[in-house]
PDB file of N, CA and C in Angstrom:
ATOM      1  N   MET A   1      19.459  26.244 -13.606  1.00  0.00           N
ATOM      2  CA  MET A   1      18.671  26.357 -14.808  1.00  0.00           C
ATOM      3  C   MET A   1      19.377  27.325 -15.747  1.00  0.00           C
ATOM      4  N   ARG A   2      19.099  27.157 -16.989  1.00  0.00           N
ATOM      5  CA  ARG A   2      19.723  28.040 -17.966  1.00  0.00           C
ATOM      6  C   ARG A   2      18.716  28.386 -19.047  1.00  0.00           C
ATOM      7  N   LEU A   3      18.937  29.461 -19.702  1.00  0.00           N
ATOM      8  CA  LEU A   3      18.057  29.915 -20.766  1.00  0.00           C
ATOM      9  C   LEU A   3      18.472  29.235 -22.059  1.00  0.00           C
ATOM     10  N   ILE A   4      17.505  28.671 -22.771  1.00  0.00           N
ATOM     11  CA  ILE A   4      17.802  28.041 -24.052  1.00  0.00           C
ATOM     12  C   ILE A   4      16.944  28.675 -25.137  1.00  0.00           C
ATOM     13  N   VAL A   5      17.383  28.523 -26.347  1.00  0.00           N
ATOM     14  CA  VAL A   5      16.618  29.010 -27.495  1.00  0.00           C
ATOM     15  C   VAL A   5      16.442  27.845 -28.446  1.00  0.00           C
ATOM     16  N   ASP A   6      15.196  27.534 -28.754  1.00  0.00           N
ATOM     17  CA  ASP A   6      14.911  26.491 -29.731  1.00  0.00           C
ATOM     18  C   ASP A   6      15.046  27.115 -31.113  1.00  0.00           C
ATOM     19  N   ARG A   7      16.067  26.702 -31.836  1.00  0.00           N
ATOM     20  CA  ARG A   7      16.362  27.359 -33.105  1.00  0.00           C
ATOM     21  C   ARG A   7      15.330  27.059 -34.189  1.00  0.00           C
ATOM     22  N   SER A   8      14.645  25.948 -34.063  1.00  0.00           N
ATOM     23  CA  SER A   8      13.670  25.618 -35.108  1.00  0.00           C
ATOM     24  C   SER A   8      12.420  26.488 -35.003  1.00  0.00           C
ATOM     25  N   THR A   9      12.029  26.877 -33.813  1.00  0.00           N
ATOM     26  CA  THR A   9      10.810  27.680 -33.657  1.00  0.00           C
ATOM     27  C   THR A   9      11.102  29.087 -33.149  1.00  0.00           C
ATOM     28  N   ARG A  10      12.337  29.351 -32.789  1.00  0.00           N
ATOM     29  CA  ARG A  10      12.757  30.659 -32.280  1.00  0.00           C
ATOM     30  C   ARG A  10      12.020  31.037 -30.988  1.00  0.00           C
ATOM     31  N   ARG A  11      11.691  30.025 -30.194  1.00  0.00           N
ATOM     32  CA  ARG A  11      11.062  30.303 -28.906  1.00  0.00           C
ATOM     33  C   ARG A  11      12.100  30.197 -27.806  1.00  0.00           C
ATOM     34  N   ARG A  12      11.885  30.941 -26.766  1.00  0.00           N
ATOM     35  CA  ARG A  12      12.792  30.879 -25.622  1.00  0.00           C
ATOM     36  C   ARG A  12      12.120  30.110 -24.495  1.00  0.00           C
ATOM     37  N   GLY A  13      12.931  29.448 -23.750  1.00  0.00           N
ATOM     38  CA  GLY A  13      12.396  28.701 -22.618  1.00  0.00           C
ATOM     39  C   GLY A  13      13.487  28.445 -21.606  1.00  0.00           C
ATOM     40  N   ILE A  14      13.101  27.817 -20.522  1.00  0.00           N
ATOM     41  CA  ILE A  14      14.055  27.488 -19.470  1.00  0.00           C
ATOM     42  C   ILE A  14      14.279  25.987 -19.504  1.00  0.00           C
ATOM     43  N   ALA A  15      15.531  25.596 -19.599  1.00  0.00           N
ATOM     44  CA  ALA A  15      15.868  24.178 -19.628  1.00  0.00           C
ATOM     45  C   ALA A  15      15.962  23.664 -18.198  1.00  0.00           C
ATOM     46  N   VAL A  16      15.336  22.550 -17.957  1.00  0.00           N
ATOM     47  CA  VAL A  16      15.421  21.896 -16.662  1.00  0.00           C
ATOM     48  C   VAL A  16      16.328  20.701 -16.839  1.00  0.00           C
ATOM     49  N   GLN A  17      17.328  20.588 -15.989  1.00  0.00           N
ATOM     50  CA  GLN A  17      18.258  19.484 -16.127  1.00  0.00           C
ATOM     51  C   GLN A  17      17.549  18.178 -15.832  1.00  0.00           C
ATOM     52  N   ASP A  18      17.792  17.210 -16.680  1.00  0.00           N
ATOM     53  CA  ASP A  18      17.188  15.892 -16.525  1.00  0.00           C
ATOM     54  C   ASP A  18      18.174  14.998 -15.789  1.00  0.00           C
ATOM     55  N   HIS A  19      17.748  14.446 -14.684  1.00  0.00           N
ATOM     56  CA  HIS A  19      18.616  13.575 -13.902  1.00  0.00           C
ATOM     57  C   HIS A  19      18.315  12.110 -14.171  1.00  0.00           C
ATOM     58  N   GLY A  20      17.687  11.825 -15.280  1.00  0.00           N
ATOM     59  CA  GLY A  20      17.402  10.444 -15.636  1.00  0.00           C
ATOM     60  C   GLY A  20      16.072   9.925 -15.132  1.00  0.00           C
ATOM     61  N   ARG A  21      15.307  10.726 -14.419  1.00  0.00           N
ATOM     62  CA  ARG A  21      14.001  10.290 -13.933  1.00  0.00           C
ATOM     63  C   ARG A  21      12.912  10.894 -14.797  1.00  0.00           C
ATOM     64  N   PRO A  22      11.929  10.092 -15.153  1.00  0.00           N
ATOM     65  CA  PRO A  22      10.796  10.663 -15.883  1.00  0.00           C
ATOM     66  C   PRO A  22      10.020  11.630 -14.990  1.00  0.00           C
ATOM     67  N   PHE A  23       9.385  12.585 -15.619  1.00  0.00           N
ATOM     68  CA  PHE A  23       8.650  13.620 -14.881  1.00  0.00           C
ATOM     69  C   PHE A  23       7.569  13.019 -13.997  1.00  0.00           C
ATOM     70  N   LEU A  24       6.827  12.022 -14.498  1.00  0.00           N
ATOM     71  CA  LEU A  24       5.725  11.463 -13.715  1.00  0.00           C
ATOM     72  C   LEU A  24       6.227  10.746 -12.476  1.00  0.00           C
ATOM     73  N   LYS A  25       7.381  10.107 -12.558  1.00  0.00           N
ATOM     74  CA  LYS A  25       7.927   9.433 -11.386  1.00  0.00           C
ATOM     75  C   LYS A  25       8.305  10.463 -10.325  1.00  0.00           C
ATOM     76  N   THR A  26       8.932  11.537 -10.750  1.00  0.00           N
ATOM     77  CA  THR A  26       9.311  12.596  -9.817  1.00  0.00           C
ATOM     78  C   THR A  26       8.069  13.238  -9.205  1.00  0.00           C
ATOM     79  N   ALA A  27       7.070  13.486 -10.034  1.00  0.00           N
ATOM     80  CA  ALA A  27       5.825  14.076  -9.523  1.00  0.00           C
ATOM     81  C   ALA A  27       5.145  13.114  -8.554  1.00  0.00           C
ATOM     82  N   GLY A  28       5.166  11.838  -8.862  1.00  0.00           N
ATOM     83  CA  GLY A  28       4.562  10.842  -7.971  1.00  0.00           C
ATOM     84  C   GLY A  28       5.256  10.793  -6.627  1.00  0.00           C
ATOM     85  N   LEU A  29       6.591  10.869  -6.638  1.00  0.00           N
ATOM     86  CA  LEU A  29       7.328  10.879  -5.378  1.00  0.00           C
ATOM     87  C   LEU A  29       7.028  12.141  -4.574  1.00  0.00           C
ATOM     88  N   THR A  30       6.856  13.250  -5.263  1.00  0.00           N
ATOM     89  CA  THR A  30       6.527  14.498  -4.579  1.00  0.00           C
ATOM     90  C   THR A  30       5.153  14.401  -3.927  1.00  0.00           C
ATOM     91  N   VAL A  31       4.186  13.889  -4.652  1.00  0.00           N
ATOM     92  CA  VAL A  31       2.831  13.737  -4.112  1.00  0.00           C
ATOM     93  C   VAL A  31       2.840  12.769  -2.932  1.00  0.00           C
ATOM     94  N   ALA A  32       3.589  11.675  -3.047  1.00  0.00           N
ATOM     95  CA  ALA A  32       3.669  10.708  -1.943  1.00  0.00           C
ATOM     96  C   ALA A  32       4.281  11.353  -0.703  1.00  0.00           C
ATOM     97  N   GLY A  33       5.301  12.166  -0.895  1.00  0.00           N
ATOM     98  CA  GLY A  33       5.926  12.849   0.237  1.00  0.00           C
ATOM     99  C   GLY A  33       4.991  13.839   0.895  1.00  0.00           C
ATOM    100  N   VAL A  34       4.239  14.572   0.102  1.00  0.00           N
ATOM    101  CA  VAL A  34       3.274  15.531   0.650  1.00  0.00           C
ATOM    102  C   VAL A  34       2.188  14.790   1.421  1.00  0.00           C
ATOM    103  N   CYS A  35       1.707  13.679   0.874  1.00  0.00           N
ATOM    104  CA  CYS A  35       0.663  12.901   1.560  1.00  0.00           C
ATOM    105  C   CYS A  35       1.183  12.329   2.880  1.00  0.00           C
ATOM    106  N   ALA A  36       2.414  11.825   2.874  1.00  0.00           N
ATOM    107  CA  ALA A  36       2.997  11.291   4.111  1.00  0.00           C
ATOM    108  C   ALA A  36       3.105  12.387   5.169  1.00  0.00           C
ATOM    109  N   GLY A  37       3.487  13.582   4.753  1.00  0.00           N
ATOM    110  CA  GLY A  37       3.559  14.698   5.691  1.00  0.00           C
ATOM    111  C   GLY A  37       2.203  15.076   6.246  1.00  0.00           C
ATOM    112  N   MET A  38       1.192  15.045   5.397  1.00  0.00           N
ATOM    113  CA  MET A  38      -0.159  15.397   5.852  1.00  0.00           C
ATOM    114  C   MET A  38      -0.687  14.370   6.848  1.00  0.00           C
ATOM    115  N   VAL A  39      -0.440  13.085   6.582  1.00  0.00           N
ATOM    116  CA  VAL A  39      -0.891  12.039   7.497  1.00  0.00           C
ATOM    117  C   VAL A  39      -0.169  12.172   8.834  1.00  0.00           C
ATOM    118  N   THR A  40       1.125  12.441   8.785  1.00  0.00           N
ATOM    119  CA  THR A  40       1.885  12.616  10.021  1.00  0.00           C
ATOM    120  C   THR A  40       1.347  13.789  10.828  1.00  0.00           C
ATOM    121  N   GLU A  41       1.081  14.892  10.165  1.00  0.00           N
ATOM    122  CA  GLU A  41       0.538  16.067  10.859  1.00  0.00           C
ATOM    123  C   GLU A  41      -0.839  15.762  11.444  1.00  0.00           C
ATOM    124  N   TYR A  42      -1.659  15.020  10.719  1.00  0.00           N
ATOM    125  CA  TYR A  42      -3.009  14.672  11.166  1.00  0.00           C
ATOM    126  C   TYR A  42      -2.943  13.812  12.430  1.00  0.00           C
ATOM    127  N   LEU A  43      -2.027  12.828  12.438  1.00  0.00           N
ATOM    128  CA  LEU A  43      -1.953  11.920  13.579  1.00  0.00           C
ATOM    129  C   LEU A  43      -1.200  12.519  14.764  1.00  0.00           C
ATOM    130  N   MET A  44      -0.321  13.469  14.528  1.00  0.00           N
ATOM    131  CA  MET A  44       0.464  14.065  15.608  1.00  0.00           C
ATOM    132  C   MET A  44      -0.109  15.394  16.093  1.00  0.00           C
ATOM    133  N   ASP A  45      -1.337  15.672  15.720  1.00  0.00           N
ATOM    134  CA  ASP A  45      -2.006  16.899  16.146  1.00  0.00           C
ATOM    135  C   ASP A  45      -2.050  16.942  17.674  1.00  0.00           C
ATOM    136  N   PRO A  46      -1.621  18.049  18.296  1.00  0.00           N
ATOM    137  CA  PRO A  46      -1.586  18.099  19.759  1.00  0.00           C
ATOM    138  C   PRO A  46      -2.968  18.035  20.417  1.00  0.00           C
ATOM    139  N   GLU A  47      -4.000  18.449  19.732  1.00  0.00           N
ATOM    140  CA  GLU A  47      -5.333  18.476  20.348  1.00  0.00           C
ATOM    141  C   GLU A  47      -6.087  17.165  20.178  1.00  0.00           C
ATOM    142  N   ARG A  48      -6.116  16.623  18.972  1.00  0.00           N
ATOM    143  CA  ARG A  48      -6.937  15.437  18.723  1.00  0.00           C
ATOM    144  C   ARG A  48      -6.146  14.229  18.247  1.00  0.00           C
ATOM    145  N   GLY A  49      -4.831  14.360  18.158  1.00  0.00           N
ATOM    146  CA  GLY A  49      -3.998  13.286  17.631  1.00  0.00           C
ATOM    147  C   GLY A  49      -4.072  12.001  18.434  1.00  0.00           C
ATOM    148  N   ARG A  50      -4.120  12.119  19.760  1.00  0.00           N
ATOM    149  CA  ARG A  50      -4.167  10.919  20.601  1.00  0.00           C
ATOM    150  C   ARG A  50      -5.417  10.093  20.314  1.00  0.00           C
ATOM    151  N   ALA A  51      -6.563  10.744  20.193  1.00  0.00           N
ATOM    152  CA  ALA A  51      -7.813  10.033  19.895  1.00  0.00           C
ATOM    153  C   ALA A  51      -7.770   9.416  18.498  1.00  0.00           C
ATOM    154  N   ARG A  52      -7.189  10.139  17.547  1.00  0.00           N
ATOM    155  CA  ARG A  52      -7.091   9.607  16.185  1.00  0.00           C
ATOM    156  C   ARG A  52      -6.182   8.385  16.130  1.00  0.00           C
ATOM    157  N   ARG A  53      -5.063   8.447  16.856  1.00  0.00           N
ATOM    158  CA  ARG A  53      -4.153   7.300  16.884  1.00  0.00           C
ATOM    159  C   ARG A  53      -4.814   6.091  17.543  1.00  0.00           C
ATOM    160  N   ALA A  54      -5.584   6.323  18.618  1.00  0.00           N
ATOM    161  CA  ALA A  54      -6.279   5.228  19.295  1.00  0.00           C
ATOM    162  C   ALA A  54      -7.321   4.595  18.373  1.00  0.00           C
ATOM    163  N   LYS A  55      -8.048   5.423  17.646  1.00  0.00           N
ATOM    164  CA  LYS A  55      -9.053   4.907  16.718  1.00  0.00           C
ATOM    165  C   LYS A  55      -8.388   4.095  15.607  1.00  0.00           C
ATOM    166  N   LEU A  56      -7.264   4.583  15.088  1.00  0.00           N
ATOM    167  CA  LEU A  56      -6.526   3.865  14.052  1.00  0.00           C
ATOM    168  C   LEU A  56      -6.012   2.534  14.582  1.00  0.00           C
ATOM    169  N   ARG A  57      -5.502   2.525  15.820  1.00  0.00           N
ATOM    170  CA  ARG A  57      -5.007   1.291  16.433  1.00  0.00           C
ATOM    171  C   ARG A  57      -6.136   0.279  16.587  1.00  0.00           C
ATOM    172  N   ASP A  58      -7.314   0.723  17.047  1.00  0.00           N
ATOM    173  CA  ASP A  58      -8.453  -0.172  17.228  1.00  0.00           C
ATOM    174  C   ASP A  58      -8.921  -0.752  15.893  1.00  0.00           C
ATOM    175  N   LYS A  59      -8.989   0.099  14.867  1.00  0.00           N
ATOM    176  CA  LYS A  59      -9.435  -0.384  13.556  1.00  0.00           C
ATOM    177  C   LYS A  59      -8.423  -1.370  12.962  1.00  0.00           C
ATOM    178  N   SER A  60      -7.148  -1.121  13.190  1.00  0.00           N
ATOM    179  CA  SER A  60      -6.120  -2.026  12.686  1.00  0.00           C
ATOM    180  C   SER A  60      -6.207  -3.384  13.371  1.00  0.00           C
ATOM    181  N   ALA A  61      -6.417  -3.377  14.686  1.00  0.00           N
ATOM    182  CA  ALA A  61      -6.552  -4.633  15.426  1.00  0.00           C
ATOM    183  C   ALA A  61      -7.771  -5.412  14.950  1.00  0.00           C
ATOM    184  N   HIS A  62      -8.866  -4.714  14.714  1.00  0.00           N
ATOM    185  CA  HIS A  62     -10.080  -5.373  14.231  1.00  0.00           C
ATOM    186  C   HIS A  62      -9.851  -5.989  12.844  1.00  0.00           C
ATOM    187  N   ALA A  63      -9.170  -5.257  11.968  1.00  0.00           N
ATOM    188  CA  ALA A  63      -8.891  -5.770  10.630  1.00  0.00           C
ATOM    189  C   ALA A  63      -7.968  -6.978  10.690  1.00  0.00           C
ATOM    190  N   ALA A  64      -6.994  -6.955  11.604  1.00  0.00           N
ATOM    191  CA  ALA A  64      -6.068  -8.078  11.733  1.00  0.00           C
ATOM    192  C   ALA A  64      -6.808  -9.332  12.206  1.00  0.00           C
ATOM    193  N   GLN A  65      -7.779  -9.173  13.114  1.00  0.00           N
ATOM    194  CA  GLN A  65      -8.565 -10.324  13.558  1.00  0.00           C
ATOM    195  C   GLN A  65      -9.367 -10.903  12.404  1.00  0.00           C
ATOM    196  N   GLY A  66      -9.912 -10.048  11.568  1.00  0.00           N
ATOM    197  CA  GLY A  66     -10.666 -10.523  10.408  1.00  0.00           C
ATOM    198  C   GLY A  66      -9.770 -11.275   9.426  1.00  0.00           C
ATOM    199  N   MET A  67      -8.525 -10.814   9.285  1.00  0.00           N
ATOM    200  CA  MET A  67      -7.601 -11.499   8.381  1.00  0.00           C
ATOM    201  C   MET A  67      -7.242 -12.880   8.905  1.00  0.00           C
ATOM    202  N   ASN A  68      -7.137 -13.045  10.227  1.00  0.00           N
ATOM    203  CA  ASN A  68      -6.847 -14.360  10.791  1.00  0.00           C
ATOM    204  C   ASN A  68      -7.969 -15.333  10.477  1.00  0.00           C
ATOM    205  N   GLY A  69      -9.207 -14.881  10.578  1.00  0.00           N
ATOM    206  CA  GLY A  69     -10.346 -15.733  10.247  1.00  0.00           C
ATOM    207  C   GLY A  69     -10.348 -16.105   8.775  1.00  0.00           C
ATOM    208  N   MET A  70      -9.949 -15.165   7.940  1.00  0.00           N
ATOM    209  CA  MET A  70      -9.918 -15.452   6.507  1.00  0.00           C
ATOM    210  C   MET A  70      -8.846 -16.471   6.176  1.00  0.00           C
ATOM    211  N   SER A  71      -7.725 -16.438   6.883  1.00  0.00           N
ATOM    212  CA  SER A  71      -6.671 -17.401   6.581  1.00  0.00           C
ATOM    213  C   SER A  71      -7.099 -18.801   7.006  1.00  0.00           C
ATOM    214  N   SER A  72      -7.822 -18.905   8.116  1.00  0.00           N
ATOM    215  CA  SER A  72      -8.317 -20.211   8.543  1.00  0.00           C
ATOM    216  C   SER A  72      -9.332 -20.744   7.536  1.00  0.00           C
ATOM    217  N   ARG A  73     -10.185 -19.863   7.076  1.00  0.00           N
ATOM    218  CA  ARG A  73     -11.183 -20.275   6.094  1.00  0.00           C
ATOM    219  C   ARG A  73     -10.514 -20.713   4.793  1.00  0.00           C
ATOM    220  N   GLY A  74      -9.513 -19.958   4.363  1.00  0.00           N
ATOM    221  CA  GLY A  74      -8.785 -20.314   3.149  1.00  0.00           C
ATOM    222  C   GLY A  74      -8.077 -21.644   3.281  1.00  0.00           C
ATOM    223  N   ARG A  75      -7.494 -21.887   4.464  1.00  0.00           N
ATOM    224  CA  ARG A  75      -6.827 -23.169   4.697  1.00  0.00           C
ATOM    225  C   ARG A  75      -7.835 -24.307   4.609  1.00  0.00           C
ATOM    226  N   GLY A  76      -9.005 -24.098   5.198  1.00  0.00           N
ATOM    227  CA  GLY A  76     -10.033 -25.131   5.158  1.00  0.00           C
ATOM    228  C   GLY A  76     -10.514 -25.398   3.743  1.00  0.00           C
ATOM    229  N   MET A  77     -10.666 -24.335   2.945  1.00  0.00           N
ATOM    230  CA  MET A  77     -11.097 -24.516   1.557  1.00  0.00           C
ATOM    231  C   MET A  77     -10.031 -25.246   0.759  1.00  0.00           C
ATOM    232  N   ALA A  78      -8.774 -24.942   1.008  1.00  0.00           N
ATOM    233  CA  ALA A  78      -7.686 -25.615   0.291  1.00  0.00           C
ATOM    234  C   ALA A  78      -7.639 -27.091   0.660  1.00  0.00           C
ATOM    235  N   MET A  79      -7.834 -27.387   1.928  1.00  0.00           N
ATOM    236  CA  MET A  79      -7.824 -28.798   2.353  1.00  0.00           C
ATOM    237  C   MET A  79      -9.004 -29.553   1.755  1.00  0.00           C
ATOM    238  N   ALA A  80     -10.167 -28.915   1.693  1.00  0.00           N
ATOM    239  CA  ALA A  80     -11.338 -29.558   1.103  1.00  0.00           C
ATOM    240  C   ALA A  80     -11.110 -29.821  -0.381  1.00  0.00           C
ATOM    241  N   ALA A  81     -10.511 -28.887  -1.088  1.00  0.00           N
ATOM    242  CA  ALA A  81     -10.229 -29.091  -2.516  1.00  0.00           C
ATOM    243  C   ALA A  81      -9.220 -30.212  -2.706  1.00  0.00           C
ATOM    244  N   ARG A  82      -8.199 -30.247  -1.858  1.00  0.00           N
ATOM    245  CA  ARG A  82      -7.204 -31.318  -1.955  1.00  0.00           C
ATOM    246  C   ARG A  82      -7.849 -32.671  -1.692  1.00  0.00           C
ATOM    247  N   ASP A  83      -8.727 -32.729  -0.699  1.00  0.00           N
ATOM    248  CA  ASP A  83      -9.391 -33.982  -0.380  1.00  0.00           C
ATOM    249  C   ASP A  83     -10.280 -34.450  -1.529  1.00  0.00           C
ATOM    250  N   ARG A  84     -10.956 -33.511  -2.189  1.00  0.00           N
ATOM    251  CA  ARG A  84     -11.794 -33.880  -3.326  1.00  0.00           C
ATOM    252  C   ARG A  84     -10.954 -34.426  -4.477  1.00  0.00           C
ATOM    253  N   MET A  85      -9.807 -33.824  -4.707  1.00  0.00           N
ATOM    254  CA  MET A  85      -8.975 -34.254  -5.832  1.00  0.00           C
ATOM    255  C   MET A  85      -8.283 -35.583  -5.555  1.00  0.00           C
ATOM    256  N   THR A  86      -7.926 -35.862  -4.315  1.00  0.00           N
ATOM    257  CA  THR A  86      -7.222 -37.104  -3.993  1.00  0.00           C
ATOM    258  C   THR A  86      -8.181 -38.217  -3.599  1.00  0.00           C
ATOM    259  N   GLY A  87      -9.444 -37.917  -3.371  1.00  0.00           N
ATOM    260  CA  GLY A  87     -10.431 -38.929  -3.024  1.00  0.00           C
ATOM    261  C   GLY A  87     -10.476 -39.225  -1.533  1.00  0.00           C
ATOM    262  N   ARG A  88      -9.840 -38.441  -0.731  1.00  0.00           N
ATOM    263  CA  ARG A  88      -9.902 -38.657   0.719  1.00  0.00           C
ATOM    264  C   ARG A  88     -11.244 -38.178   1.255  1.00  0.00           C
ATOM    265  N   SER A  89     -11.584 -38.693   2.417  1.00  0.00           N
ATOM    266  CA  SER A  89     -12.850 -38.289   3.015  1.00  0.00           C
ATOM    267  C   SER A  89     -12.711 -37.018   3.831  1.00  0.00           C
ATOM    268  N   GLY A  90     -11.505 -36.682   4.216  1.00  0.00           N
ATOM    269  CA  GLY A  90     -11.297 -35.459   4.981  1.00  0.00           C
ATOM    270  C   GLY A  90     -11.393 -35.696   6.480  1.00  0.00           C
ATOM    271  N   GLU A  91     -11.701 -36.926   6.900  1.00  0.00           N
ATOM    272  CA  GLU A  91     -11.790 -37.228   8.325  1.00  0.00           C
ATOM    273  C   GLU A  91     -10.449 -37.795   8.786  1.00  0.00           C
ATOM    274  N   PRO A  92     -10.068 -37.496  10.000  1.00  0.00           N
ATOM    275  CA  PRO A  92      -8.795 -38.022  10.508  1.00  0.00           C
ATOM    276  C   PRO A  92      -8.901 -39.543  10.701  1.00  0.00           C
ATOM    277  N   THR A  93      -7.789 -40.198  10.474  1.00  0.00           N
ATOM    278  CA  THR A  93      -7.776 -41.665  10.655  1.00  0.00           C
ATOM    279  C   THR A  93      -7.343 -41.993  12.055  1.00  0.00           C
ATOM    280  N   MET A  94      -7.880 -43.073  12.596  1.00  0.00           N
ATOM    281  CA  MET A  94      -7.549 -43.498  13.953  1.00  0.00           C
ATOM    282  C   MET A  94      -6.463 -44.555  13.861  1.00  0.00           C
ATOM    283  N   SER A  95      -5.379 -44.342  14.548  1.00  0.00           N
ATOM    284  CA  SER A  95      -4.307 -45.350  14.542  1.00  0.00           C
ATOM    285  C   SER A  95      -4.325 -46.065  15.877  1.00  0.00           C
ATOM    286  N   SER A  96      -4.073 -47.413  15.868  1.00  0.00           N
ATOM    287  CA  SER A  96      -4.124 -48.168  17.104  1.00  0.00           C
ATOM    288  C   SER A  96      -2.769 -48.409  17.668  1.00  0.00           C
TER     289      SER A  96
END
């Protein structure tokens, strides 16, 4: 850092070198890094971390099961819409 003087207002300040990144992006990366560290510390706690990790694993598995059901439902809705647009009945045909 270096000391600068703004000649138009005669104020002194400290110049921060700009590395091409906007301030908000740098601040956002800093906040994201701090949050990642806090989550890691929370889950790796020697006293309660194991229980927290197990609870997170269970909730993730439950959410994944719900997503599988949603994809099946979405597939069924898409097939029903396609059948309505093409005039099909939606029933499988029997071939002899």
